[in-house]
Protein backbone atom coordinates (compact mmCIF):
# COMPACT_ATOMS: atom_id res chain seq x y z
CA MET A 1 -19.04 20.92 -30.85
CA LYS A 2 -21.90 18.91 -29.39
CA LYS A 3 -19.75 15.78 -29.08
CA PHE A 4 -17.03 17.77 -27.34
CA ILE A 5 -19.50 19.04 -24.74
CA GLU A 6 -20.84 15.52 -24.21
CA PHE A 7 -17.27 14.29 -23.74
CA LEU A 8 -16.67 16.92 -21.04
CA LYS A 9 -19.89 15.95 -19.25
CA LYS A 10 -18.99 12.25 -19.11
CA GLU A 11 -17.66 11.10 -15.77
CA ASP A 12 -15.88 7.93 -16.90
CA GLY A 13 -12.44 9.55 -17.15
CA PRO A 14 -12.37 11.20 -13.71
CA THR A 15 -13.79 8.06 -12.12
CA ALA A 16 -10.97 5.98 -13.57
CA VAL A 17 -8.42 8.49 -12.29
CA GLU A 18 -9.99 8.42 -8.82
CA TYR A 19 -9.80 4.62 -8.77
CA ALA A 20 -6.16 4.74 -9.83
CA VAL A 21 -5.33 7.20 -7.03
CA MET A 22 -7.17 5.05 -4.47
CA LEU A 23 -5.33 1.95 -5.69
CA ALA A 24 -1.99 3.74 -5.41
CA LEU A 25 -2.78 4.83 -1.84
CA ILE A 26 -3.86 1.32 -0.88
CA ILE A 27 -0.61 -0.10 -2.29
CA VAL A 28 1.45 2.44 -0.34
CA VAL A 29 -0.39 1.61 2.90
CA CYS A 30 0.05 -2.14 2.32
CA LEU A 31 3.77 -1.80 1.60
CA THR A 32 4.25 0.33 4.70
CA ALA A 33 2.38 -2.17 6.86
CA ILE A 34 4.32 -5.12 5.44
CA THR A 35 7.62 -3.32 6.03
CA ASN A 36 6.71 -2.55 9.64
CA ILE A 37 5.56 -6.11 10.30
CA GLY A 38 8.78 -7.46 8.75
CA THR A 39 10.94 -5.20 10.90
CA THR A 40 9.06 -6.18 14.04
CA ALA A 41 9.28 -9.88 13.20
CA ASN A 42 13.00 -9.59 12.49
CA THR A 43 13.57 -7.90 15.85
CA THR A 44 11.52 -10.54 17.66
CA PHE A 45 13.35 -13.44 16.01
CA GLY A 46 16.67 -11.77 16.77
CA THR A 47 15.75 -11.41 20.43
CA VAL A 48 14.58 -15.02 20.67
CA GLY A 49 17.70 -16.25 18.88
CA THR A 50 19.95 -14.32 21.21
CA ALA A 51 18.09 -15.62 24.26
CA LEU A 52 18.35 -19.22 23.07
CA THR A 53 22.04 -18.93 22.21
CA GLY A 54 22.89 -17.23 25.49
CA GLY A 55 21.04 -19.84 27.52
CA SER A 56 23.15 -22.82 26.44
């Protein structure tokens, strides 16, 4: 029983879970940012390409 109570008092497990949740949130934010940057870059290149093609 004593070992079970010590196991419940340890904070290693919850800390690992917290780190995993933070890592998941960071990955989601990074993927969202990369997607938005890619969409913006694609639009910009499309606009420039159209302007260059239309000018000749």
